[in-house]
Amino acid sequence: MSKNRRLFAVVPAAGHSRRMGQAKLMLPLGGRTVIRRLLDVLDRPEITERIVVLRRDDDPLWGEVSDAGATIVRPETAPPDMRSSVEQALAEIRREQSPTPDDGWMLVPADHPVLSTAVFDTLIEHWNRHECLILVPTCKARRGHPTFFRWKLADEAAALPRDRGLNELLRVHHQEICELPIDDRAVLTDLDTPADYEALRSRREW
């Protein structure tokens, strides 16, 4: 691996938390908010920049992300879905960082609050040591997040038909995906409903 390769973390956080009934990324979890837990884990030297996409009207979340030192993207029009948020983040990286085709971007949904340093240690080491076009963690044979992509796929993502999500990249390049088993359900654990939140709060490690 070239030591000059960079890795950018893309965090879509422009949703409305409708299933939760309140702003889920600002909920407390283990002494920090959900979003702050994730951004703190992503604050590591192997990650060049953390880019978080927010709605323009979400001032509380803006303040929390700003305090964490991440780069904020607030489009004039709220992104209607995750793919649109990712496109906004990739455009920001392209403008400000001039990435090379072998640099990488990592999709980290904001509602995966219990991803640990150990999980990122394992995934980033594998990404740096191998020539994967796409790297996906798995747990118990199920695919999870974060998902890693070479920068060369950024333009391809923008060119997808508007009715297709980013999973289309995995379908088109299914033979070029590296799957890495991770013995940690955190790669599968997202936060959508009050029941999800109560289950996380009840875990002993908090």
N, C-alpha and C. Protein backbone atom coordinates (compact mmCIF):
# COMPACT_ATOMS: atom_id res chain seq x y z
N MET A 1 0.83 -1.20 0.00
CA MET A 1 0.00 0.00 0.00
C MET A 1 0.86 1.25 0.00
N SER A 2 0.46 2.24 -0.80
CA SER A 2 1.14 3.53 -0.80
C SER A 2 0.77 4.31 0.46
N LYS A 3 1.79 4.85 1.11
CA LYS A 3 1.53 5.63 2.32
C LYS A 3 0.83 6.94 2.01
N ASN A 4 0.76 7.30 0.72
CA ASN A 4 0.12 8.56 0.35
C ASN A 4 -1.39 8.43 0.18
N ARG A 5 -1.90 7.22 0.24
CA ARG A 5 -3.34 7.05 0.12
C ARG A 5 -4.04 7.68 1.32
N ARG A 6 -5.18 8.30 1.04
CA ARG A 6 -5.97 8.91 2.11
C ARG A 6 -7.32 8.21 2.23
N LEU A 7 -7.93 8.39 3.39
CA LEU A 7 -9.23 7.80 3.67
C LEU A 7 -10.12 8.88 4.27
N PHE A 8 -11.31 9.03 3.68
CA PHE A 8 -12.27 10.04 4.13
C PHE A 8 -13.51 9.33 4.68
N ALA A 9 -13.99 9.79 5.83
CA ALA A 9 -15.20 9.23 6.44
C ALA A 9 -16.40 10.09 6.05
N VAL A 10 -17.38 9.47 5.44
CA VAL A 10 -18.61 10.15 5.01
C VAL A 10 -19.74 9.72 5.95
N VAL A 11 -20.33 10.69 6.64
CA VAL A 11 -21.35 10.40 7.66
C VAL A 11 -22.65 11.10 7.27
N PRO A 12 -23.60 10.40 6.66
CA PRO A 12 -24.90 11.01 6.36
C PRO A 12 -25.70 11.18 7.66
N ALA A 13 -26.14 12.41 7.93
CA ALA A 13 -26.85 12.68 9.18
C ALA A 13 -27.96 13.70 8.96
N ALA A 14 -28.63 13.60 7.80
CA ALA A 14 -29.65 14.58 7.44
C ALA A 14 -31.06 14.03 7.56
N GLY A 15 -31.23 12.89 8.21
CA GLY A 15 -32.56 12.30 8.35
C GLY A 15 -33.42 13.01 9.38
N HIS A 16 -34.67 12.61 9.46
CA HIS A 16 -35.63 13.26 10.36
C HIS A 16 -35.98 12.41 11.58
N SER A 17 -35.41 11.23 11.73
CA SER A 17 -35.65 10.35 12.89
C SER A 17 -37.13 10.09 13.12
N ARG A 18 -37.88 9.90 12.04
CA ARG A 18 -39.33 9.75 12.19
C ARG A 18 -39.71 8.51 12.99
N ARG A 19 -39.01 7.41 12.79
CA ARG A 19 -39.35 6.18 13.52
C ARG A 19 -39.01 6.29 15.01
N MET A 20 -38.01 7.11 15.33
CA MET A 20 -37.64 7.30 16.73
C MET A 20 -38.59 8.26 17.42
N GLY A 21 -39.12 9.23 16.68
CA GLY A 21 -40.02 10.21 17.27
C GLY A 21 -39.33 11.39 17.91
N GLN A 22 -38.00 11.40 17.88
CA GLN A 22 -37.19 12.52 18.37
C GLN A 22 -35.82 12.44 17.70
N ALA A 23 -35.01 13.47 17.91
CA ALA A 23 -33.71 13.54 17.22
C ALA A 23 -32.77 12.47 17.77
N LYS A 24 -32.68 11.33 17.08
CA LYS A 24 -31.96 10.18 17.64
C LYS A 24 -30.46 10.42 17.77
N LEU A 25 -29.88 11.24 16.90
CA LEU A 25 -28.43 11.43 16.96
C LEU A 25 -28.01 12.29 18.15
N MET A 26 -28.97 12.97 18.76
CA MET A 26 -28.68 13.78 19.94
C MET A 26 -29.04 13.08 21.24
N LEU A 27 -29.51 11.84 21.15
CA LEU A 27 -29.83 11.10 22.36
C LEU A 27 -28.56 10.76 23.14
N PRO A 28 -28.63 10.76 24.48
CA PRO A 28 -27.45 10.40 25.28
C PRO A 28 -27.22 8.90 25.27
N LEU A 29 -25.94 8.53 25.20
CA LEU A 29 -25.58 7.12 25.24
C LEU A 29 -24.18 7.02 25.85
N GLY A 30 -24.12 6.52 27.06
CA GLY A 30 -22.84 6.38 27.72
C GLY A 30 -22.11 7.68 27.98
N GLY A 31 -22.85 8.72 28.35
CA GLY A 31 -22.21 9.99 28.71
C GLY A 31 -21.95 10.93 27.55
N ARG A 32 -22.24 10.49 26.34
CA ARG A 32 -22.11 11.34 25.14
C ARG A 32 -23.34 11.17 24.28
N THR A 33 -23.52 12.06 23.31
CA THR A 33 -24.60 11.87 22.37
C THR A 33 -24.23 10.77 21.38
N VAL A 34 -25.23 10.24 20.71
CA VAL A 34 -25.01 9.19 19.71
C VAL A 34 -24.03 9.67 18.65
N ILE A 35 -24.23 10.88 18.12
CA ILE A 35 -23.35 11.36 17.05
C ILE A 35 -21.94 11.62 17.57
N ARG A 36 -21.82 12.10 18.79
CA ARG A 36 -20.49 12.39 19.32
C ARG A 36 -19.70 11.10 19.56
N ARG A 37 -20.37 10.06 20.01
CA ARG A 37 -19.68 8.78 20.18
C ARG A 37 -19.05 8.34 18.87
N LEU A 38 -19.83 8.42 17.78
CA LEU A 38 -19.33 7.97 16.49
C LEU A 38 -18.19 8.85 16.00
N LEU A 39 -18.36 10.16 16.09
CA LEU A 39 -17.33 11.07 15.58
C LEU A 39 -16.04 10.96 16.39
N ASP A 40 -16.15 10.69 17.68
CA ASP A 40 -14.94 10.51 18.49
C ASP A 40 -14.17 9.26 18.07
N VAL A 41 -14.88 8.19 17.76
CA VAL A 41 -14.21 6.96 17.31
C VAL A 41 -13.55 7.19 15.95
N LEU A 42 -14.16 8.02 15.12
CA LEU A 42 -13.60 8.31 13.79
C LEU A 42 -12.44 9.30 13.82
N ASP A 43 -12.21 9.92 14.97
CA ASP A 43 -11.13 10.91 15.09
C ASP A 43 -9.81 10.17 15.31
N ARG A 44 -9.16 9.77 14.21
CA ARG A 44 -7.95 8.97 14.27
C ARG A 44 -7.06 9.33 13.10
N PRO A 45 -5.76 9.14 13.22
CA PRO A 45 -4.83 9.65 12.22
C PRO A 45 -4.99 9.02 10.84
N GLU A 46 -5.52 7.80 10.76
CA GLU A 46 -5.68 7.16 9.46
C GLU A 46 -6.80 7.77 8.63
N ILE A 47 -7.66 8.56 9.27
CA ILE A 47 -8.79 9.18 8.57
C ILE A 47 -8.46 10.65 8.34
N THR A 48 -8.34 11.03 7.08
CA THR A 48 -7.94 12.39 6.72
C THR A 48 -8.97 13.42 7.13
N GLU A 49 -10.25 13.10 6.96
CA GLU A 49 -11.30 14.06 7.25
C GLU A 49 -12.60 13.32 7.53
N ARG A 50 -13.37 13.86 8.45
CA ARG A 50 -14.71 13.36 8.75
C ARG A 50 -15.71 14.36 8.20
N ILE A 51 -16.53 13.96 7.25
CA ILE A 51 -17.48 14.86 6.60
C ILE A 51 -18.89 14.43 6.99
N VAL A 52 -19.62 15.34 7.63
CA VAL A 52 -20.96 15.04 8.11
C VAL A 52 -21.95 15.92 7.35
N VAL A 53 -22.97 15.29 6.77
CA VAL A 53 -23.99 16.02 6.00
C VAL A 53 -25.23 16.20 6.87
N LEU A 54 -25.64 17.47 7.04
CA LEU A 54 -26.75 17.82 7.91
C LEU A 54 -27.79 18.63 7.15
N ARG A 55 -29.00 18.68 7.70
CA ARG A 55 -30.01 19.63 7.21
C ARG A 55 -29.65 21.02 7.70
N ARG A 56 -30.01 22.03 6.94
CA ARG A 56 -29.68 23.40 7.32
C ARG A 56 -30.44 23.86 8.56
N ASP A 57 -31.58 23.24 8.84
CA ASP A 57 -32.39 23.68 9.99
C ASP A 57 -32.07 22.92 11.27
N ASP A 58 -31.07 22.05 11.24
CA ASP A 58 -30.77 21.21 12.41
C ASP A 58 -29.63 21.84 13.21
N ASP A 59 -29.93 22.94 13.89
CA ASP A 59 -28.90 23.68 14.62
C ASP A 59 -28.32 22.90 15.81
N PRO A 60 -29.13 22.17 16.59
CA PRO A 60 -28.52 21.41 17.69
C PRO A 60 -27.49 20.41 17.20
N LEU A 61 -27.80 19.71 16.13
CA LEU A 61 -26.85 18.73 15.61
C LEU A 61 -25.63 19.43 15.03
N TRP A 62 -25.84 20.56 14.39
CA TRP A 62 -24.72 21.34 13.87
C TRP A 62 -23.75 21.69 14.99
N GLY A 63 -24.28 22.12 16.14
CA GLY A 63 -23.42 22.49 17.25
C GLY A 63 -22.63 21.30 17.77
N GLU A 64 -23.25 20.14 17.86
CA GLU A 64 -22.58 18.95 18.37
C GLU A 64 -21.48 18.48 17.42
N VAL A 65 -21.77 18.49 16.13
CA VAL A 65 -20.78 18.07 15.13
C VAL A 65 -19.63 19.07 15.07
N SER A 66 -19.96 20.35 15.17
CA SER A 66 -18.93 21.38 15.17
C SER A 66 -17.99 21.21 16.36
N ASP A 67 -18.55 20.94 17.54
CA ASP A 67 -17.72 20.73 18.73
C ASP A 67 -16.79 19.54 18.58
N ALA A 68 -17.21 18.55 17.79
CA ALA A 68 -16.38 17.37 17.56
C ALA A 68 -15.27 17.61 16.54
N GLY A 69 -15.29 18.77 15.89
CA GLY A 69 -14.24 19.13 14.96
C GLY A 69 -14.36 18.52 13.58
N ALA A 70 -15.54 17.98 13.25
CA ALA A 70 -15.74 17.39 11.93
C ALA A 70 -16.12 18.47 10.91
N THR A 71 -15.93 18.15 9.65
CA THR A 71 -16.35 19.04 8.56
C THR A 71 -17.84 18.90 8.34
N ILE A 72 -18.54 20.02 8.25
CA ILE A 72 -19.99 20.02 8.11
C ILE A 72 -20.37 20.46 6.71
N VAL A 73 -21.29 19.71 6.10
CA VAL A 73 -21.88 20.08 4.82
C VAL A 73 -23.38 20.27 5.05
N ARG A 74 -23.89 21.46 4.73
CA ARG A 74 -25.31 21.77 4.93
C ARG A 74 -25.89 22.25 3.60
N PRO A 75 -26.40 21.34 2.78
CA PRO A 75 -26.92 21.74 1.47
C PRO A 75 -28.10 22.71 1.59
N GLU A 76 -28.28 23.54 0.57
CA GLU A 76 -29.41 24.47 0.55
C GLU A 76 -30.73 23.71 0.64
N THR A 77 -30.82 22.60 -0.07
CA THR A 77 -32.00 21.75 -0.03
C THR A 77 -31.67 20.48 0.74
N ALA A 78 -32.52 20.14 1.68
CA ALA A 78 -32.25 18.96 2.51
C ALA A 78 -32.17 17.70 1.64
N PRO A 79 -31.14 16.90 1.80
CA PRO A 79 -31.03 15.65 1.02
C PRO A 79 -32.23 14.74 1.30
N PRO A 80 -32.87 14.22 0.25
CA PRO A 80 -34.04 13.38 0.47
C PRO A 80 -33.72 11.96 0.91
N ASP A 81 -32.47 11.52 0.74
CA ASP A 81 -32.12 10.14 1.08
C ASP A 81 -30.61 10.05 1.33
N MET A 82 -30.16 8.85 1.75
CA MET A 82 -28.75 8.68 2.07
C MET A 82 -27.86 8.90 0.84
N ARG A 83 -28.29 8.40 -0.31
CA ARG A 83 -27.47 8.57 -1.50
C ARG A 83 -27.20 10.05 -1.77
N SER A 84 -28.23 10.89 -1.66
CA SER A 84 -28.05 12.33 -1.91
C SER A 84 -27.08 12.94 -0.90
N SER A 85 -27.16 12.53 0.35
CA SER A 85 -26.23 13.02 1.36
C SER A 85 -24.80 12.63 1.01
N VAL A 86 -24.61 11.39 0.61
CA VAL A 86 -23.27 10.92 0.25
C VAL A 86 -22.74 11.70 -0.95
N GLU A 87 -23.57 11.98 -1.92
CA GLU A 87 -23.12 12.75 -3.08
C GLU A 87 -22.66 14.15 -2.67
N GLN A 88 -23.36 14.75 -1.72
CA GLN A 88 -22.94 16.07 -1.23
C GLN A 88 -21.58 15.99 -0.55
N ALA A 89 -21.37 14.95 0.24
CA ALA A 89 -20.08 14.79 0.92
C ALA A 89 -18.96 14.53 -0.07
N LEU A 90 -19.20 13.69 -1.06
CA LEU A 90 -18.17 13.39 -2.05
C LEU A 90 -17.82 14.63 -2.87
N ALA A 91 -18.82 15.45 -3.16
CA ALA A 91 -18.55 16.70 -3.89
C ALA A 91 -17.66 17.63 -3.06
N GLU A 92 -17.90 17.68 -1.75
CA GLU A 92 -17.07 18.50 -0.86
C GLU A 92 -15.63 17.98 -0.85
N ILE A 93 -15.45 16.67 -0.76
CA ILE A 93 -14.10 16.09 -0.78
C ILE A 93 -13.42 16.40 -2.10
N ARG A 94 -14.15 16.26 -3.19
CA ARG A 94 -13.57 16.51 -4.51
C ARG A 94 -13.09 17.96 -4.63
N ARG A 95 -13.90 18.90 -4.14
CA ARG A 95 -13.54 20.33 -4.23
C ARG A 95 -12.34 20.67 -3.36
N GLU A 96 -12.32 20.16 -2.14
CA GLU A 96 -11.35 20.62 -1.16
C GLU A 96 -10.10 19.76 -1.06
N GLN A 97 -10.17 18.51 -1.46
CA GLN A 97 -9.06 17.59 -1.21
C GLN A 97 -8.43 17.02 -2.49
N SER A 98 -9.06 17.19 -3.64
CA SER A 98 -8.54 16.67 -4.91
C SER A 98 -8.06 15.23 -4.75
N PRO A 99 -8.93 14.32 -4.39
CA PRO A 99 -8.52 12.94 -4.14
C PRO A 99 -8.03 12.24 -5.41
N THR A 100 -7.17 11.25 -5.22
CA THR A 100 -6.68 10.43 -6.31
C THR A 100 -7.56 9.18 -6.42
N PRO A 101 -7.52 8.46 -7.54
CA PRO A 101 -8.37 7.27 -7.69
C PRO A 101 -8.15 6.22 -6.63
N ASP A 102 -6.93 6.13 -6.06
CA ASP A 102 -6.65 5.11 -5.06
C ASP A 102 -6.91 5.54 -3.63
N ASP A 103 -7.27 6.81 -3.42
CA ASP A 103 -7.73 7.21 -2.10
C ASP A 103 -9.03 6.46 -1.80
N GLY A 104 -9.49 6.55 -0.58
CA GLY A 104 -10.70 5.82 -0.22
C GLY A 104 -11.72 6.70 0.48
N TRP A 105 -12.98 6.29 0.39
CA TRP A 105 -14.04 6.93 1.18
C TRP A 105 -14.84 5.82 1.86
N MET A 106 -15.24 6.12 3.05
CA MET A 106 -15.86 5.15 3.94
C MET A 106 -17.26 5.65 4.30
N LEU A 107 -18.27 4.87 3.98
CA LEU A 107 -19.64 5.22 4.33
C LEU A 107 -19.93 4.73 5.74
N VAL A 108 -20.20 5.70 6.63
CA VAL A 108 -20.46 5.37 8.04
C VAL A 108 -21.81 5.99 8.41
N PRO A 109 -22.90 5.24 8.35
CA PRO A 109 -24.19 5.81 8.74
C PRO A 109 -24.14 6.36 10.16
N ALA A 110 -24.74 7.52 10.35
CA ALA A 110 -24.66 8.19 11.65
C ALA A 110 -25.38 7.43 12.75
N ASP A 111 -26.29 6.53 12.37
CA ASP A 111 -27.06 5.82 13.39
C ASP A 111 -26.48 4.45 13.73
N HIS A 112 -25.16 4.30 13.52
CA HIS A 112 -24.44 3.10 13.99
C HIS A 112 -23.59 3.51 15.19
N PRO A 113 -24.20 3.64 16.36
CA PRO A 113 -23.55 4.34 17.48
C PRO A 113 -22.54 3.55 18.28
N VAL A 114 -22.45 2.23 18.07
CA VAL A 114 -21.56 1.45 18.95
C VAL A 114 -20.38 0.86 18.19
N LEU A 115 -20.08 1.38 17.02
CA LEU A 115 -18.86 0.99 16.33
C LEU A 115 -17.67 1.38 17.20
N SER A 116 -16.75 0.47 17.37
CA SER A 116 -15.65 0.68 18.31
C SER A 116 -14.33 0.96 17.61
N THR A 117 -13.38 1.44 18.40
CA THR A 117 -12.02 1.62 17.89
C THR A 117 -11.46 0.31 17.37
N ALA A 118 -11.74 -0.79 18.06
CA ALA A 118 -11.21 -2.09 17.63
C ALA A 118 -11.75 -2.49 16.27
N VAL A 119 -13.03 -2.23 16.01
CA VAL A 119 -13.60 -2.54 14.70
C VAL A 119 -12.90 -1.74 13.61
N PHE A 120 -12.71 -0.45 13.84
CA PHE A 120 -12.02 0.37 12.84
C PHE A 120 -10.56 -0.03 12.69
N ASP A 121 -9.91 -0.41 13.79
CA ASP A 121 -8.53 -0.90 13.69
C ASP A 121 -8.44 -2.05 12.69
N THR A 122 -9.34 -3.02 12.84
CA THR A 122 -9.31 -4.21 11.99
C THR A 122 -9.62 -3.88 10.54
N LEU A 123 -10.66 -3.08 10.33
CA LEU A 123 -11.07 -2.76 8.97
C LEU A 123 -10.04 -1.89 8.24
N ILE A 124 -9.52 -0.88 8.92
CA ILE A 124 -8.56 0.01 8.27
C ILE A 124 -7.26 -0.72 7.97
N GLU A 125 -6.83 -1.59 8.87
CA GLU A 125 -5.62 -2.36 8.59
C GLU A 125 -5.81 -3.23 7.35
N HIS A 126 -6.95 -3.88 7.24
CA HIS A 126 -7.22 -4.72 6.08
C HIS A 126 -7.28 -3.87 4.80
N TRP A 127 -7.95 -2.75 4.88
CA TRP A 127 -8.07 -1.83 3.73
C TRP A 127 -6.70 -1.38 3.26
N ASN A 128 -5.83 -1.06 4.17
CA ASN A 128 -4.51 -0.56 3.81
C ASN A 128 -3.58 -1.65 3.27
N ARG A 129 -3.82 -2.89 3.66
CA ARG A 129 -2.92 -3.97 3.27
C ARG A 129 -3.36 -4.69 2.01
N HIS A 130 -4.60 -4.46 1.56
CA HIS A 130 -5.12 -5.19 0.42
C HIS A 130 -5.64 -4.22 -0.64
N GLU A 131 -5.79 -4.74 -1.86
CA GLU A 131 -6.21 -3.90 -2.99
C GLU A 131 -7.71 -4.04 -3.23
N CYS A 132 -8.50 -3.93 -2.20
CA CYS A 132 -9.95 -4.06 -2.36
C CYS A 132 -10.51 -2.84 -3.08
N LEU A 133 -11.44 -3.09 -4.00
CA LEU A 133 -12.21 -1.98 -4.57
C LEU A 133 -13.29 -1.55 -3.59
N ILE A 134 -13.91 -2.53 -2.95
CA ILE A 134 -14.94 -2.30 -1.93
C ILE A 134 -14.66 -3.27 -0.78
N LEU A 135 -14.73 -2.77 0.44
CA LEU A 135 -14.56 -3.61 1.63
C LEU A 135 -15.82 -3.51 2.49
N VAL A 136 -16.38 -4.67 2.82
CA VAL A 136 -17.61 -4.72 3.60
C VAL A 136 -17.40 -5.63 4.80
N PRO A 137 -17.69 -5.15 6.02
CA PRO A 137 -17.62 -6.06 7.18
C PRO A 137 -18.85 -6.95 7.23
N THR A 138 -18.66 -8.16 7.71
CA THR A 138 -19.79 -9.06 7.91
C THR A 138 -19.77 -9.58 9.35
N CYS A 139 -20.96 -9.92 9.82
CA CYS A 139 -21.09 -10.55 11.14
C CYS A 139 -22.20 -11.58 11.03
N LYS A 140 -21.88 -12.82 11.37
CA LYS A 140 -22.85 -13.91 11.26
C LYS A 140 -23.42 -13.97 9.84
N ALA A 141 -22.54 -13.78 8.85
CA ALA A 141 -22.87 -13.89 7.42
C ALA A 141 -23.76 -12.76 6.91
N ARG A 142 -23.93 -11.71 7.71
CA ARG A 142 -24.71 -10.55 7.26
C ARG A 142 -23.76 -9.37 7.04
N ARG A 143 -24.00 -8.62 5.96
CA ARG A 143 -23.19 -7.44 5.68
C ARG A 143 -23.62 -6.26 6.54
N GLY A 144 -22.62 -5.47 6.97
CA GLY A 144 -22.92 -4.32 7.79
C GLY A 144 -22.16 -3.09 7.34
N HIS A 145 -21.84 -2.22 8.28
CA HIS A 145 -21.12 -0.96 8.02
C HIS A 145 -20.03 -0.80 9.07
N PRO A 146 -19.00 0.00 8.76
CA PRO A 146 -18.83 0.90 7.61
C PRO A 146 -18.42 0.15 6.35
N THR A 147 -18.75 0.74 5.20
CA THR A 147 -18.35 0.19 3.91
C THR A 147 -17.31 1.11 3.29
N PHE A 148 -16.23 0.51 2.79
CA PHE A 148 -15.11 1.25 2.21
C PHE A 148 -15.15 1.16 0.68
N PHE A 149 -14.87 2.28 0.01
CA PHE A 149 -14.83 2.33 -1.44
C PHE A 149 -13.56 3.05 -1.90
N ARG A 150 -12.95 2.59 -2.99
CA ARG A 150 -11.91 3.39 -3.62
C ARG A 150 -12.54 4.64 -4.22
N TRP A 151 -11.75 5.72 -4.24
CA TRP A 151 -12.29 6.98 -4.74
C TRP A 151 -12.74 6.86 -6.19
N LYS A 152 -12.13 5.96 -6.96
CA LYS A 152 -12.50 5.81 -8.37
C LYS A 152 -13.98 5.49 -8.55
N LEU A 153 -14.65 5.04 -7.49
CA LEU A 153 -16.09 4.76 -7.57
C LEU A 153 -16.96 5.97 -7.27
N ALA A 154 -16.36 7.09 -6.89
CA ALA A 154 -17.16 8.27 -6.52
C ALA A 154 -17.95 8.79 -7.72
N ASP A 155 -17.30 8.91 -8.87
CA ASP A 155 -18.00 9.39 -10.06
C ASP A 155 -19.07 8.39 -10.50
N GLU A 156 -18.76 7.13 -10.34
CA GLU A 156 -19.72 6.10 -10.70
C GLU A 156 -20.96 6.18 -9.81
N ALA A 157 -20.75 6.50 -8.54
CA ALA A 157 -21.88 6.64 -7.63
C ALA A 157 -22.79 7.78 -8.08
N ALA A 158 -22.20 8.89 -8.49
CA ALA A 158 -22.99 10.05 -8.93
C ALA A 158 -23.75 9.76 -10.21
N ALA A 159 -23.24 8.83 -11.02
CA ALA A 159 -23.86 8.53 -12.32
C ALA A 159 -24.93 7.44 -12.24
N LEU A 160 -25.16 6.88 -11.06
CA LEU A 160 -26.18 5.85 -10.94
C LEU A 160 -27.56 6.41 -11.31
N PRO A 161 -28.44 5.58 -11.85
CA PRO A 161 -29.82 6.04 -12.09
C PRO A 161 -30.42 6.59 -10.80
N ARG A 162 -31.25 7.62 -10.93
CA ARG A 162 -31.76 8.31 -9.74
C ARG A 162 -32.62 7.41 -8.86
N ASP A 163 -33.14 6.33 -9.41
CA ASP A 163 -33.97 5.44 -8.60
C ASP A 163 -33.17 4.33 -7.93
N ARG A 164 -31.84 4.42 -8.00
CA ARG A 164 -30.99 3.39 -7.40
C ARG A 164 -30.20 3.98 -6.24
N GLY A 165 -30.02 3.17 -5.21
CA GLY A 165 -29.21 3.58 -4.07
C GLY A 165 -27.77 3.14 -4.23
N LEU A 166 -26.96 3.40 -3.22
CA LEU A 166 -25.54 3.06 -3.29
C LEU A 166 -25.31 1.55 -3.29
N ASN A 167 -26.29 0.77 -2.88
CA ASN A 167 -26.14 -0.68 -2.96
C ASN A 167 -25.94 -1.15 -4.39
N GLU A 168 -26.32 -0.31 -5.34
CA GLU A 168 -26.12 -0.67 -6.74
C GLU A 168 -24.64 -0.83 -7.06
N LEU A 169 -23.79 -0.05 -6.39
CA LEU A 169 -22.35 -0.21 -6.59
C LEU A 169 -21.90 -1.61 -6.17
N LEU A 170 -22.46 -2.11 -5.09
CA LEU A 170 -22.10 -3.45 -4.63
C LEU A 170 -22.63 -4.52 -5.59
N ARG A 171 -23.78 -4.26 -6.19
CA ARG A 171 -24.32 -5.23 -7.15
C ARG A 171 -23.46 -5.26 -8.42
N VAL A 172 -23.12 -4.08 -8.94
CA VAL A 172 -22.35 -4.01 -10.17
C VAL A 172 -20.96 -4.60 -9.98
N HIS A 173 -20.37 -4.36 -8.81
CA HIS A 173 -18.98 -4.79 -8.56
C HIS A 173 -18.92 -5.98 -7.59
N HIS A 174 -19.91 -6.84 -7.67
CA HIS A 174 -20.00 -7.92 -6.68
C HIS A 174 -18.78 -8.84 -6.69
N GLN A 175 -18.12 -8.96 -7.82
CA GLN A 175 -16.95 -9.83 -7.89
C GLN A 175 -15.68 -9.16 -7.35
N GLU A 176 -15.77 -7.86 -7.06
CA GLU A 176 -14.60 -7.11 -6.59
C GLU A 176 -14.74 -6.68 -5.13
N ILE A 177 -15.70 -7.26 -4.43
CA ILE A 177 -15.93 -6.92 -3.03
C ILE A 177 -15.09 -7.84 -2.14
N CYS A 178 -14.42 -7.24 -1.17
CA CYS A 178 -13.76 -8.00 -0.11
C CYS A 178 -14.69 -8.00 1.11
N GLU A 179 -15.08 -9.17 1.57
CA GLU A 179 -15.86 -9.28 2.80
C GLU A 179 -14.93 -9.67 3.93
N LEU A 180 -15.04 -8.95 5.05
CA LEU A 180 -14.18 -9.23 6.20
C LEU A 180 -15.05 -9.58 7.40
N PRO A 181 -15.01 -10.82 7.85
CA PRO A 181 -15.79 -11.19 9.04
C PRO A 181 -15.30 -10.44 10.29
N ILE A 182 -16.24 -9.87 11.01
CA ILE A 182 -15.96 -9.13 12.24
C ILE A 182 -16.82 -9.74 13.35
N ASP A 183 -16.18 -10.17 14.42
CA ASP A 183 -16.91 -10.79 15.52
C ASP A 183 -17.42 -9.72 16.48
N ASP A 184 -18.25 -8.86 15.95
CA ASP A 184 -18.80 -7.76 16.75
C ASP A 184 -20.09 -7.30 16.07
N ARG A 185 -21.19 -7.45 16.76
CA ARG A 185 -22.49 -7.08 16.16
C ARG A 185 -22.64 -5.58 15.96
N ALA A 186 -21.67 -4.80 16.41
CA ALA A 186 -21.74 -3.36 16.21
C ALA A 186 -21.84 -3.00 14.73
N VAL A 187 -21.25 -3.82 13.85
CA VAL A 187 -21.31 -3.52 12.42
C VAL A 187 -22.72 -3.67 11.88
N LEU A 188 -23.58 -4.34 12.62
CA LEU A 188 -24.98 -4.53 12.21
C LEU A 188 -25.94 -3.66 13.00
N THR A 189 -25.48 -3.09 14.10
CA THR A 189 -26.38 -2.42 15.06
C THR A 189 -26.65 -0.99 14.65
N ASP A 190 -27.90 -0.74 14.23
CA ASP A 190 -28.29 0.64 13.96
C ASP A 190 -29.36 1.06 14.97
N LEU A 191 -29.73 2.32 14.89
CA LEU A 191 -30.61 2.92 15.89
C LEU A 191 -31.76 3.59 15.16
N ASP A 192 -32.93 2.94 15.17
CA ASP A 192 -34.08 3.47 14.43
C ASP A 192 -35.29 3.75 15.30
N THR A 193 -35.51 2.92 16.32
CA THR A 193 -36.75 2.99 17.08
C THR A 193 -36.47 3.16 18.57
N PRO A 194 -37.49 3.57 19.34
CA PRO A 194 -37.31 3.62 20.80
C PRO A 194 -36.88 2.28 21.39
N ALA A 195 -37.35 1.18 20.82
CA ALA A 195 -36.93 -0.13 21.33
C ALA A 195 -35.45 -0.36 21.09
N ASP A 196 -34.94 0.08 19.93
CA ASP A 196 -33.51 -0.02 19.67
C ASP A 196 -32.72 0.75 20.72
N TYR A 197 -33.19 1.94 21.02
CA TYR A 197 -32.49 2.80 21.98
C TYR A 197 -32.48 2.19 23.37
N GLU A 198 -33.62 1.68 23.80
CA GLU A 198 -33.69 1.08 25.14
C GLU A 198 -32.79 -0.16 25.22
N ALA A 199 -32.71 -0.91 24.13
CA ALA A 199 -31.84 -2.08 24.13
C ALA A 199 -30.38 -1.67 24.29
N LEU A 200 -29.97 -0.60 23.61
CA LEU A 200 -28.59 -0.12 23.73
C LEU A 200 -28.32 0.43 25.13
N ARG A 201 -29.27 1.16 25.67
CA ARG A 201 -29.08 1.74 27.01
C ARG A 201 -28.94 0.67 28.08
N SER A 202 -29.54 -0.48 27.86
CA SER A 202 -29.52 -1.55 28.86
C SER A 202 -28.23 -2.35 28.85
N ARG A 203 -27.37 -2.13 27.87
CA ARG A 203 -26.13 -2.90 27.80
C ARG A 203 -25.20 -2.50 28.95
N ARG A 204 -24.54 -3.45 29.52
CA ARG A 204 -23.78 -3.23 30.75
C ARG A 204 -22.59 -2.30 30.56
N GLU A 205 -22.02 -2.28 29.34
CA GLU A 205 -20.81 -1.47 29.18
C GLU A 205 -21.05 0.02 29.27
N TRP A 206 -22.31 0.45 29.23
CA TRP A 206 -22.55 1.88 29.41
C TRP A 206 -22.47 2.21 30.89
